[in-house]
Amino acid sequence: MDCSFQDELFDDLDLYYFRQMAISSQDYDIQQKIDFEIKMRDGITKIIAACSNDVQSLEASRGLLTSNARMMAYMAELQRRRTLERGQPNRDSDDAKPCKATLAISDIRIPLMWKEEDHIKNKGDHRRYSVFCLWKIGTEIYDTEMIRNVDRTLTDMCPEDVLVFNDISPDFECVLEVYCYNMHNDLTIASTPKRIRKKLNTLSSTMGRSMGKKVQSSMENGESSLGVKFTLIATAKLNIEDIGSGIKTHNLVLENTENSPVHLPLFGHFCCRLGAQPDCMVQDVISGYLSFQGATDWTRKWCVLNQSKLQCWTNQSDSGIKKPDCIIAITKGSNIAHRNGSTMQKPNSFLLTCLEEDKKTQYTISADSKSEKERWISALEQQFVDTGAWQQACTEFIDIKSPTPKRPQFPTTRKGSLYDATSLKGTPDNKKKTHQEKNSRDEDSAFLDSPAANTRSKSKSMPPKAIPYPKPWIVKETGV
């Protein structure tokens, strides 16, 4: 499936028409996002036209594809909102809605399934690919880093991104899309055998610049004025059942790429860590004094409701410093029963029933006033809804990794030290390369070659023997 349909779609449609739709419906958040993506598309298009190497073209094309995907999501959200406006008005229900959460995707690993001839024997497929992923939840779309030079020597693709999504509902659907671009075919010099490559290098040294440009342009394929064309090769979907503190394996649906130039051998599964932190797990829902009925008397405690637990201390000053005197777990099966005037022994009391290890435990609780009682009951009922909606994310606290800032990865040329570049007085041949300069250039060439070529065994050259300096003539004293 070629992603060029998005470019053609946005060439035909007037993006400013959708902006006017957002203004007319007073969707200012969508309006700002559309304005931003329009400016991004204009800038990326100019960057693609000015690209001077493959790395710049790949990065700019990835940005253009991501911007197109966001525009599609904004348009779909705008159409959905307009459909709701034209239909029947929404009736505000009294049912409590679950809280939002922060989701984080990390530890992504996509294994490859090369043939034995390709990977172990280092023969067969010589092509190289560039791969990146798009992660989508509603209108929030993020891309991973570009993994370049994916060839038969690589067994797993592991982007080091940590993607964070904010204000996510429990009925979310996370979509993964894997895009690939065939960088080099079997005719590239970097992937040919040593003998043929040596002959091609010898032949290319005799060709002029103009002839070299013609050969290079004839070998280019898959590029246009809008950059390279990535191909969608696999998709996957995650939901609330995939949330956990550890890394899980998920199914990867492979796209039909029979008529596509991309034949990257995916394994059909991928691994990642999907963590979630509901707001009720990171914020204090409610706090205040409550009285608990004991066997003979009532005990007044300072209580804090957070992380699906009702934690109690004797004094307010002990909160967060000392361990709580008692902890009441708020589980999915917990409920509240109001006590009427005839059955309650203290005013403003209610009955809290919790299910702990398949055993029901009842707590008779009393608030200081009627308003405090209603506030605590409302908070506890909201906690019941959050716990039932977010399931495992509310039963254990899941750490979320913070995203690290990305740095642009462009090929840099290593330079020798100033000591190596300085000519020494009295050296017989200053123009001759030193052993350190030769090793430095060998290291530079490793970044310009393919990973397959870098893994091949290379003969280690011995350092040249030191040339003895000519000794000056010494005039011997004679006895004459």
Protein backbone atom coordinates (compact mmCIF):
# COMPACT_ATOMS: atom_id res chain seq x y z
CA MET A 1 0.00 0.00 0.00
CA ASP A 2 1.68 3.19 -1.18
CA CYS A 3 1.28 6.30 0.93
CA SER A 4 1.35 8.55 -2.15
CA PHE A 5 -2.46 8.74 -2.07
CA GLN A 6 -2.18 11.13 0.86
CA ASP A 7 0.05 13.51 -1.08
CA GLU A 8 -2.30 13.47 -4.06
CA LEU A 9 -5.28 14.01 -1.74
CA PHE A 10 -3.77 17.07 -0.13
CA ASP A 11 -2.75 18.45 -3.52
CA ASP A 12 -6.38 18.40 -4.68
CA LEU A 13 -8.18 19.49 -1.50
CA ASP A 14 -8.11 23.04 -0.23
CA LEU A 15 -6.81 22.80 3.33
CA TYR A 16 -8.00 26.29 4.08
CA TYR A 17 -11.59 25.13 3.52
CA PHE A 18 -11.31 22.84 6.53
CA ARG A 19 -9.86 25.72 8.51
CA GLN A 20 -12.94 27.77 7.71
CA MET A 21 -15.11 24.85 8.80
CA ALA A 22 -13.29 24.79 12.13
CA ILE A 23 -13.81 28.55 12.53
CA SER A 24 -17.52 28.33 11.73
CA SER A 25 -18.06 25.53 14.25
CA GLN A 26 -15.94 27.37 16.85
CA ASP A 27 -13.52 24.45 17.20
CA TYR A 28 -10.56 26.61 18.08
CA ASP A 29 -8.35 23.71 19.16
CA ILE A 30 -8.76 21.99 15.78
CA GLN A 31 -8.30 25.35 14.05
CA GLN A 32 -4.93 25.94 15.73
CA LYS A 33 -3.75 22.43 14.90
CA ILE A 34 -4.77 22.77 11.24
CA ASP A 35 -2.98 26.13 10.98
CA PHE A 36 0.15 24.58 12.44
CA GLU A 37 0.12 21.61 10.05
CA ILE A 38 -0.46 23.87 7.04
CA LYS A 39 2.67 25.82 7.95
CA MET A 40 4.56 22.58 8.58
CA ARG A 41 3.60 21.23 5.16
CA ASP A 42 4.69 24.41 3.41
CA GLY A 43 8.02 24.37 5.21
CA ILE A 44 8.67 20.68 4.63
CA THR A 45 7.87 21.02 0.91
CA LYS A 46 10.51 23.74 0.61
CA ILE A 47 13.02 21.65 2.55
CA ILE A 48 12.46 18.65 0.26
CA ALA A 49 13.10 20.81 -2.80
CA ALA A 50 16.41 21.96 -1.28
CA CYS A 51 17.62 18.55 -0.01
CA SER A 52 21.16 17.73 -1.08
CA ASN A 53 21.51 14.14 0.22
CA ASP A 54 19.45 11.05 0.93
CA VAL A 55 19.39 11.51 4.70
CA GLN A 56 17.78 14.94 4.45
CA SER A 57 15.27 13.70 1.89
CA LEU A 58 14.27 10.73 4.06
CA GLU A 59 13.81 12.83 7.21
CA ALA A 60 11.80 15.49 5.38
CA SER A 61 9.60 12.88 3.69
CA ARG A 62 8.92 11.27 7.07
CA GLY A 63 7.85 14.65 8.43
CA LEU A 64 5.56 15.21 5.44
CA LEU A 65 3.90 11.81 5.87
CA THR A 66 3.37 12.46 9.60
CA SER A 67 1.87 15.88 8.86
CA ASN A 68 -0.51 14.35 6.31
CA ALA A 69 -1.62 11.72 8.81
CA ARG A 70 -2.36 14.39 11.40
CA MET A 71 -4.35 16.42 8.88
CA MET A 72 -6.43 13.36 8.05
CA ALA A 73 -7.11 12.80 11.77
CA TYR A 74 -8.10 16.46 12.30
CA MET A 75 -10.47 16.35 9.34
CA ALA A 76 -12.10 13.16 10.59
CA GLU A 77 -12.52 14.67 14.06
CA LEU A 78 -13.99 17.85 12.56
CA GLN A 79 -16.48 15.86 10.50
CA ARG A 80 -17.45 13.83 13.56
CA ARG A 81 -18.13 16.95 15.60
CA ARG A 82 -20.21 18.52 12.83
CA THR A 83 -22.24 15.31 12.54
CA LEU A 84 -22.97 15.43 16.27
CA GLU A 85 -24.06 19.05 15.98
CA ARG A 86 -26.50 18.28 13.17
CA GLY A 87 -27.99 15.29 14.98
CA GLN A 88 -29.96 15.21 18.16
CA PRO A 89 -28.53 17.24 21.03
CA ASN A 90 -26.58 15.28 23.56
CA ARG A 91 -28.44 14.66 26.78
CA ASP A 92 -26.25 15.18 29.77
CA SER A 93 -26.47 12.05 31.85
CA ASP A 94 -25.87 11.92 35.57
CA ASP A 95 -23.62 8.86 35.19
CA ALA A 96 -20.03 9.48 36.24
CA LYS A 97 -17.44 9.23 33.48
CA PRO A 98 -14.05 7.62 34.10
CA CYS A 99 -11.03 9.84 34.45
CA LYS A 100 -8.43 10.39 31.75
CA ALA A 101 -4.95 8.90 31.79
CA THR A 102 -1.43 9.39 30.45
CA LEU A 103 -0.17 6.60 28.19
CA ALA A 104 3.45 5.88 27.31
CA ILE A 105 4.84 3.52 24.66
CA SER A 106 8.45 2.39 25.04
CA ASP A 107 10.80 -0.57 24.51
CA ILE A 108 9.66 -1.10 20.92
CA ARG A 109 11.20 -4.09 19.19
CA ILE A 110 10.25 -5.38 15.73
CA PRO A 111 12.05 -8.65 14.86
CA LEU A 112 13.03 -9.58 11.32
CA MET A 113 12.92 -13.05 9.76
CA TRP A 114 15.79 -13.39 7.34
CA LYS A 115 16.59 -16.58 5.54
CA GLU A 116 19.55 -18.65 6.62
CA GLU A 117 21.37 -17.80 3.40
CA ASP A 118 20.87 -14.07 4.01
CA HIS A 119 21.74 -13.67 7.68
CA ILE A 120 23.99 -16.58 8.70
CA LYS A 121 25.88 -17.17 5.46
CA ASN A 122 25.91 -13.44 4.63
CA LYS A 123 24.69 -14.07 1.08
CA GLY A 124 21.54 -13.51 -0.89
CA ASP A 125 19.50 -10.36 -0.23
CA HIS A 126 21.71 -7.26 -0.42
CA ARG A 127 18.99 -4.60 -0.20
CA ARG A 128 18.87 -1.91 2.47
CA TYR A 129 15.81 -0.22 3.90
CA SER A 130 14.78 2.77 5.98
CA VAL A 131 11.98 2.12 8.47
CA PHE A 132 9.97 4.22 10.92
CA CYS A 133 6.66 3.83 12.78
CA LEU A 134 3.57 5.96 13.32
CA TRP A 135 1.61 5.63 16.57
CA LYS A 136 -1.95 6.99 16.57
CA ILE A 137 -4.52 7.53 19.33
CA GLY A 138 -7.33 9.73 18.09
CA THR A 139 -5.89 13.01 16.85
CA GLU A 140 -2.57 12.48 18.62
CA ILE A 141 -0.04 11.06 16.15
CA TYR A 142 3.68 10.62 16.80
CA ASP A 143 6.47 9.16 14.69
CA THR A 144 9.53 7.25 15.83
CA GLU A 145 13.10 7.79 14.81
CA MET A 146 14.22 6.69 11.36
CA ILE A 147 16.11 3.39 11.36
CA ARG A 148 18.35 3.53 8.31
CA ASN A 149 20.49 0.88 6.66
CA VAL A 150 18.30 -2.05 7.69
CA ASP A 151 19.83 -5.03 5.93
CA ARG A 152 20.37 -8.76 6.42
CA THR A 153 22.83 -8.23 9.29
CA LEU A 154 20.10 -6.73 11.49
CA THR A 155 17.80 -9.09 13.40
CA ASP A 156 15.67 -6.56 15.33
CA MET A 157 14.57 -3.01 14.72
CA CYS A 158 14.55 -1.17 18.06
CA PRO A 159 13.63 2.52 17.97
CA GLU A 160 14.59 4.14 21.27
CA ASP A 161 11.61 6.51 21.39
CA VAL A 162 9.33 7.01 24.39
CA LEU A 163 5.97 8.26 23.10
CA VAL A 164 3.62 9.89 25.63
CA PHE A 165 -0.10 10.47 25.00
CA ASN A 166 -2.08 12.75 27.35
CA ASP A 167 -5.77 12.90 28.29
CA ILE A 168 -6.66 9.45 26.94
CA SER A 169 -10.01 7.77 27.66
CA PRO A 170 -10.17 4.09 28.70
CA ASP A 171 -11.93 3.14 25.44
CA PHE A 172 -8.89 4.16 23.39
CA GLU A 173 -7.54 2.32 20.36
CA CYS A 174 -3.82 2.67 19.68
CA VAL A 175 -2.87 2.06 16.04
CA LEU A 176 0.66 1.20 14.91
CA GLU A 177 1.72 1.70 11.28
CA VAL A 178 5.13 0.56 10.03
CA TYR A 179 6.48 2.38 6.97
CA CYS A 180 9.44 1.30 4.88
CA TYR A 181 11.48 2.61 1.96
CA ASN A 182 13.85 0.57 -0.18
CA MET A 183 17.07 2.56 -0.16
CA HIS A 184 19.29 0.37 -2.32
CA ASN A 185 18.66 -2.61 -4.55
CA ASP A 186 21.05 -5.37 -5.53
CA LEU A 187 22.73 -3.07 -8.07
CA THR A 188 24.23 -0.75 -5.47
CA ILE A 189 27.98 -0.69 -5.12
CA ALA A 190 27.82 -1.09 -1.35
CA SER A 191 26.06 -4.44 -1.61
CA THR A 192 27.98 -6.08 -4.46
CA PRO A 193 30.65 -8.71 -3.92
CA LYS A 194 34.25 -7.61 -3.41
CA ARG A 195 35.52 -8.48 -6.90
CA ILE A 196 32.67 -6.79 -8.74
CA ARG A 197 32.81 -3.81 -6.42
CA LYS A 198 36.51 -3.39 -7.09
CA LYS A 199 35.90 -3.35 -10.83
CA LEU A 200 33.06 -0.86 -10.49
CA ASN A 201 35.22 1.40 -8.37
CA THR A 202 37.96 1.24 -10.97
CA LEU A 203 35.46 2.03 -13.72
CA SER A 204 33.88 4.91 -11.81
CA SER A 205 37.27 6.56 -11.32
CA THR A 206 37.65 6.85 -15.12
CA MET A 207 34.21 8.44 -15.57
CA GLY A 208 33.73 12.18 -15.52
CA ARG A 209 31.38 14.12 -13.29
CA SER A 210 28.73 14.62 -15.95
CA MET A 211 28.65 10.93 -16.80
CA GLY A 212 28.50 10.05 -13.12
CA LYS A 213 25.48 12.30 -12.61
CA LYS A 214 23.68 10.66 -15.52
CA VAL A 215 24.32 7.18 -14.14
CA GLN A 216 23.19 8.28 -10.70
CA SER A 217 19.97 9.81 -12.02
CA SER A 218 19.21 6.69 -14.05
CA MET A 219 19.55 4.51 -10.92
CA GLU A 220 17.26 6.69 -8.79
CA ASN A 221 13.74 5.40 -8.36
CA GLY A 222 10.80 6.09 -6.07
CA GLU A 223 11.56 9.81 -5.63
CA SER A 224 9.51 12.79 -6.77
CA SER A 225 9.09 16.45 -6.04
CA LEU A 226 7.46 15.53 -2.73
CA GLY A 227 10.33 13.35 -1.58
CA VAL A 228 10.59 9.60 -1.33
CA LYS A 229 7.50 7.40 -1.15
CA PHE A 230 7.27 5.24 1.94
CA THR A 231 5.23 2.04 1.82
CA LEU A 232 2.93 0.83 4.59
CA ILE A 233 4.08 -2.73 5.32
CA ALA A 234 2.39 -3.63 8.65
CA THR A 235 -0.23 -2.45 11.15
CA ALA A 236 -1.30 -3.34 14.69
CA LYS A 237 -3.90 -2.25 17.25
CA LEU A 238 -3.62 -2.06 21.04
CA ASN A 239 -6.26 -1.37 23.67
CA ILE A 240 -6.68 -1.29 27.44
CA GLU A 241 -6.09 -5.04 27.76
CA ASP A 242 -2.51 -4.55 26.55
CA ILE A 243 -1.58 -2.21 29.41
CA GLY A 244 0.98 -3.56 31.85
CA SER A 245 4.19 -2.85 33.70
CA GLY A 246 6.23 -5.25 31.56
CA ILE A 247 6.98 -5.78 27.89
CA LYS A 248 4.36 -7.76 25.97
CA THR A 249 4.27 -9.42 22.56
CA HIS A 250 1.58 -8.35 20.10
CA ASN A 251 0.44 -9.48 16.67
CA LEU A 252 1.57 -7.53 13.62
CA VAL A 253 -0.73 -7.62 10.58
CA LEU A 254 1.38 -7.66 7.42
CA GLU A 255 0.16 -5.71 4.41
CA ASN A 256 0.04 -7.15 0.90
CA THR A 257 3.32 -6.06 -0.71
CA GLU A 258 3.44 -8.39 -3.70
CA ASN A 259 3.51 -5.54 -6.23
CA SER A 260 5.63 -3.33 -3.98
CA PRO A 261 9.40 -2.79 -4.23
CA VAL A 262 9.64 -3.38 -0.48
CA HIS A 263 10.13 -6.97 0.69
CA LEU A 264 11.32 -6.53 4.25
CA PRO A 265 10.89 -9.93 5.99
CA LEU A 266 8.89 -9.11 9.12
CA PHE A 267 8.32 -11.83 11.70
CA GLY A 268 4.63 -11.08 12.25
CA HIS A 269 4.96 -10.01 15.90
CA PHE A 270 6.41 -7.07 17.77
CA CYS A 271 7.13 -6.18 21.39
CA CYS A 272 6.52 -3.00 23.32
CA ARG A 273 5.62 -1.69 26.75
CA LEU A 274 2.29 0.13 27.05
CA GLY A 275 2.09 1.92 30.40
CA ALA A 276 -0.81 3.97 31.73
CA GLN A 277 -1.25 6.30 34.68
CA PRO A 278 -4.87 7.34 35.30
CA ASP A 279 -5.35 10.70 36.97
CA CYS A 280 -6.72 9.00 40.07
CA MET A 281 -3.40 7.20 40.50
CA VAL A 282 -1.19 10.31 40.45
CA GLN A 283 -3.44 12.86 42.15
CA ASP A 284 -5.11 12.98 45.55
CA VAL A 285 -8.82 12.57 44.84
CA ILE A 286 -10.02 13.81 48.23
CA SER A 287 -8.70 14.26 51.75
CA GLY A 288 -10.21 15.11 55.13
CA TYR A 289 -11.18 13.76 58.55
CA LEU A 290 -13.47 10.72 58.88
CA SER A 291 -14.63 8.74 61.89
CA PHE A 292 -14.62 4.93 61.84
CA GLN A 293 -16.85 2.82 64.04
CA GLY A 294 -14.98 0.29 66.12
CA ALA A 295 -16.09 -2.44 68.48
CA THR A 296 -16.90 -0.02 71.30
CA ASP A 297 -16.10 3.51 70.13
CA TRP A 298 -15.47 5.75 67.11
CA THR A 299 -11.96 6.59 65.94
CA ARG A 300 -11.21 9.85 64.13
CA LYS A 301 -8.64 9.60 61.31
CA TRP A 302 -7.14 11.85 58.65
CA CYS A 303 -7.89 10.11 55.35
CA VAL A 304 -6.51 10.55 51.83
CA LEU A 305 -7.97 8.80 48.76
CA ASN A 306 -5.39 8.15 46.02
CA GLN A 307 -4.02 5.23 43.98
CA SER A 308 -7.28 3.33 44.59
CA LYS A 309 -6.57 3.26 48.32
CA LEU A 310 -8.09 4.99 51.33
CA GLN A 311 -5.09 5.68 53.59
CA CYS A 312 -5.69 6.75 57.17
CA TRP A 313 -3.44 8.47 59.77
CA THR A 314 -4.06 9.61 63.31
CA ASN A 315 -2.99 13.21 62.60
CA GLN A 316 -2.87 15.28 59.44
CA SER A 317 0.80 16.09 60.02
CA ASP A 318 1.67 12.38 59.72
CA SER A 319 0.32 12.19 56.16
CA GLY A 320 3.08 11.44 53.69
CA ILE A 321 5.72 11.16 56.43
CA LYS A 322 4.76 8.10 58.44
CA LYS A 323 3.24 4.86 57.28
CA PRO A 324 -0.57 4.92 57.35
CA ASP A 325 -2.30 3.31 60.29
CA CYS A 326 -4.64 1.42 57.97
CA ILE A 327 -5.16 1.07 54.20
CA ILE A 328 -8.52 0.23 52.63
CA ALA A 329 -8.25 -1.01 49.04
CA ILE A 330 -10.92 0.34 46.69
CA THR A 331 -11.54 -2.47 44.22
CA LYS A 332 -13.98 -3.07 41.40
CA GLY A 333 -16.46 -4.80 43.68
CA SER A 334 -16.58 -2.01 46.28
CA ASN A 335 -19.82 -0.15 46.91
CA ILE A 336 -21.44 2.38 49.25
CA ALA A 337 -24.74 2.07 51.12
CA HIS A 338 -26.43 5.08 52.71
CA ARG A 339 -27.52 4.66 56.32
CA ASN A 340 -30.95 5.97 57.26
CA GLY A 341 -31.78 7.75 60.50
CA SER A 342 -33.13 4.65 62.25
CA THR A 343 -30.10 2.43 61.62
CA MET A 344 -27.19 4.85 61.93
CA GLN A 345 -25.71 5.45 65.36
CA LYS A 346 -23.98 8.69 64.32
CA PRO A 347 -25.19 11.40 61.91
CA ASN A 348 -23.76 11.74 58.40
CA SER A 349 -22.60 8.13 58.29
CA PHE A 350 -22.47 5.63 55.43
CA LEU A 351 -21.47 2.01 54.92
CA LEU A 352 -18.43 1.19 52.73
CA THR A 353 -18.18 -2.41 51.53
CA CYS A 354 -14.87 -3.56 49.99
CA LEU A 355 -13.94 -6.87 48.42
CA GLU A 356 -10.51 -7.92 49.69
CA GLU A 357 -9.17 -11.35 48.70
CA ASP A 358 -12.67 -12.66 47.95
CA LYS A 359 -13.84 -11.50 51.37
CA LYS A 360 -16.24 -8.65 51.96
CA THR A 361 -15.26 -6.17 54.61
CA GLN A 362 -17.66 -3.46 55.81
CA TYR A 363 -16.66 -0.12 57.31
CA THR A 364 -19.11 2.23 58.99
CA ILE A 365 -17.82 5.74 58.35
CA SER A 366 -19.09 9.11 59.53
CA ALA A 367 -18.25 12.56 58.11
CA ASP A 368 -18.15 15.86 60.01
CA SER A 369 -21.07 17.39 58.12
CA LYS A 370 -23.67 16.60 55.51
CA SER A 371 -21.72 18.39 52.79
CA GLU A 372 -18.58 16.46 53.70
CA LYS A 373 -20.53 13.22 53.55
CA GLU A 374 -21.81 14.01 50.04
CA ARG A 375 -18.32 15.02 48.94
CA TRP A 376 -16.78 11.76 50.19
CA ILE A 377 -19.54 9.61 48.70
CA SER A 378 -19.18 11.34 45.31
CA ALA A 379 -15.39 10.85 45.35
CA LEU A 380 -15.66 7.19 46.32
CA GLU A 381 -18.27 6.48 43.64
CA GLN A 382 -16.02 8.17 41.07
CA GLN A 383 -13.18 5.95 42.26
CA PHE A 384 -15.37 2.88 41.70
CA VAL A 385 -15.98 3.99 38.10
CA ASP A 386 -12.28 4.70 37.46
CA THR A 387 -11.20 1.36 38.91
CA GLY A 388 -13.72 -0.55 36.82
CA ALA A 389 -12.81 1.29 33.62
CA TRP A 390 -9.00 1.25 33.84
CA GLN A 391 -8.76 -2.25 35.34
CA GLN A 392 -5.11 -3.20 35.85
CA ALA A 393 -3.89 0.39 35.58
CA CYS A 394 -5.75 1.12 38.83
CA THR A 395 -4.69 -2.00 40.70
CA GLU A 396 -0.94 -1.31 40.45
CA PHE A 397 1.09 1.84 39.92
CA ILE A 398 2.84 1.67 36.53
CA ASP A 399 5.91 3.81 36.04
CA ILE A 400 6.09 5.84 32.83
CA LYS A 401 9.40 6.67 31.24
CA SER A 402 9.98 10.30 30.41
CA PRO A 403 10.67 11.02 26.74
CA THR A 404 14.25 11.99 26.01
CA PRO A 405 14.92 14.93 23.68
CA LYS A 406 15.89 13.90 20.20
CA ARG A 407 19.02 15.09 18.50
CA PRO A 408 19.28 15.25 14.70
CA GLN A 409 21.28 12.33 13.40
CA PHE A 410 23.22 13.51 10.41
CA PRO A 411 26.38 11.89 9.08
CA THR A 412 29.38 13.77 10.40
CA THR A 413 32.86 13.62 8.97
CA ARG A 414 35.57 12.91 11.44
CA LYS A 415 38.66 15.07 11.26
CA GLY A 416 42.16 14.27 12.39
CA SER A 417 43.64 15.93 15.42
CA LEU A 418 45.58 19.16 15.17
CA TYR A 419 48.74 17.29 16.11
CA ASP A 420 48.42 15.02 13.07
CA ALA A 421 47.73 17.95 10.74
CA THR A 422 50.77 19.94 11.90
CA SER A 423 53.92 19.42 9.88
CA LEU A 424 57.09 18.78 11.83
CA LYS A 425 60.27 20.55 10.89
CA GLY A 426 62.91 18.25 9.60
CA THR A 427 60.53 15.51 8.46
CA PRO A 428 61.80 13.97 5.20
CA ASP A 429 58.36 13.72 3.58
CA ASN A 430 55.63 15.93 5.08
CA LYS A 431 53.08 14.92 2.46
CA LYS A 432 53.15 11.25 3.40
CA LYS A 433 50.15 10.06 5.42
CA THR A 434 50.77 8.94 8.94
CA HIS A 435 49.39 5.75 10.38
CA GLN A 436 46.90 7.67 12.58
CA GLU A 437 45.52 9.60 9.59
CA LYS A 438 45.01 6.38 7.70
CA ASN A 439 43.09 4.81 10.59
CA SER A 440 41.00 7.96 10.93
CA ARG A 441 39.97 7.79 7.28
CA ASP A 442 39.20 4.11 7.62
CA GLU A 443 36.83 4.97 10.49
CA ASP A 444 35.19 7.67 8.38
CA SER A 445 34.59 5.24 5.52
CA ALA A 446 32.82 2.87 7.91
CA PHE A 447 30.00 5.38 8.30
CA LEU A 448 29.59 5.72 4.53
CA ASP A 449 29.39 2.00 3.85
CA SER A 450 26.51 -0.39 4.49
CA PRO A 451 26.26 -2.45 7.68
CA ALA A 452 26.70 -5.58 5.60
CA ALA A 453 29.99 -4.28 4.26
CA ASN A 454 31.13 -3.18 7.70
CA THR A 455 30.62 -6.67 9.17
CA ARG A 456 32.76 -8.32 6.54
CA SER A 457 36.25 -9.23 7.61
CA LYS A 458 38.82 -6.69 6.50
CA SER A 459 42.53 -7.26 6.40
CA LYS A 460 44.31 -5.25 9.01
CA SER A 461 47.17 -3.30 7.54
CA MET A 462 50.36 -3.16 9.55
CA PRO A 463 51.76 0.26 10.37
CA PRO A 464 54.54 1.35 8.06
CA LYS A 465 58.05 0.92 9.29
CA ALA A 466 59.74 3.99 10.56
CA ILE A 467 62.14 5.58 8.08
CA PRO A 468 65.48 6.31 9.72
CA TYR A 469 66.60 9.89 9.43
CA PRO A 470 69.91 10.43 7.65
CA LYS A 471 72.70 11.05 10.13
CA PRO A 472 74.73 14.19 9.59
CA TRP A 473 78.35 13.84 8.51
CA ILE A 474 80.69 13.72 11.46
CA VAL A 475 84.19 14.96 10.81
CA LYS A 476 86.64 12.82 12.69
CA GLU A 477 89.58 14.52 14.19
CA THR A 478 92.82 13.22 12.86
CA GLY A 479 96.18 13.53 14.28
CA VAL A 480 97.54 15.25 11.22
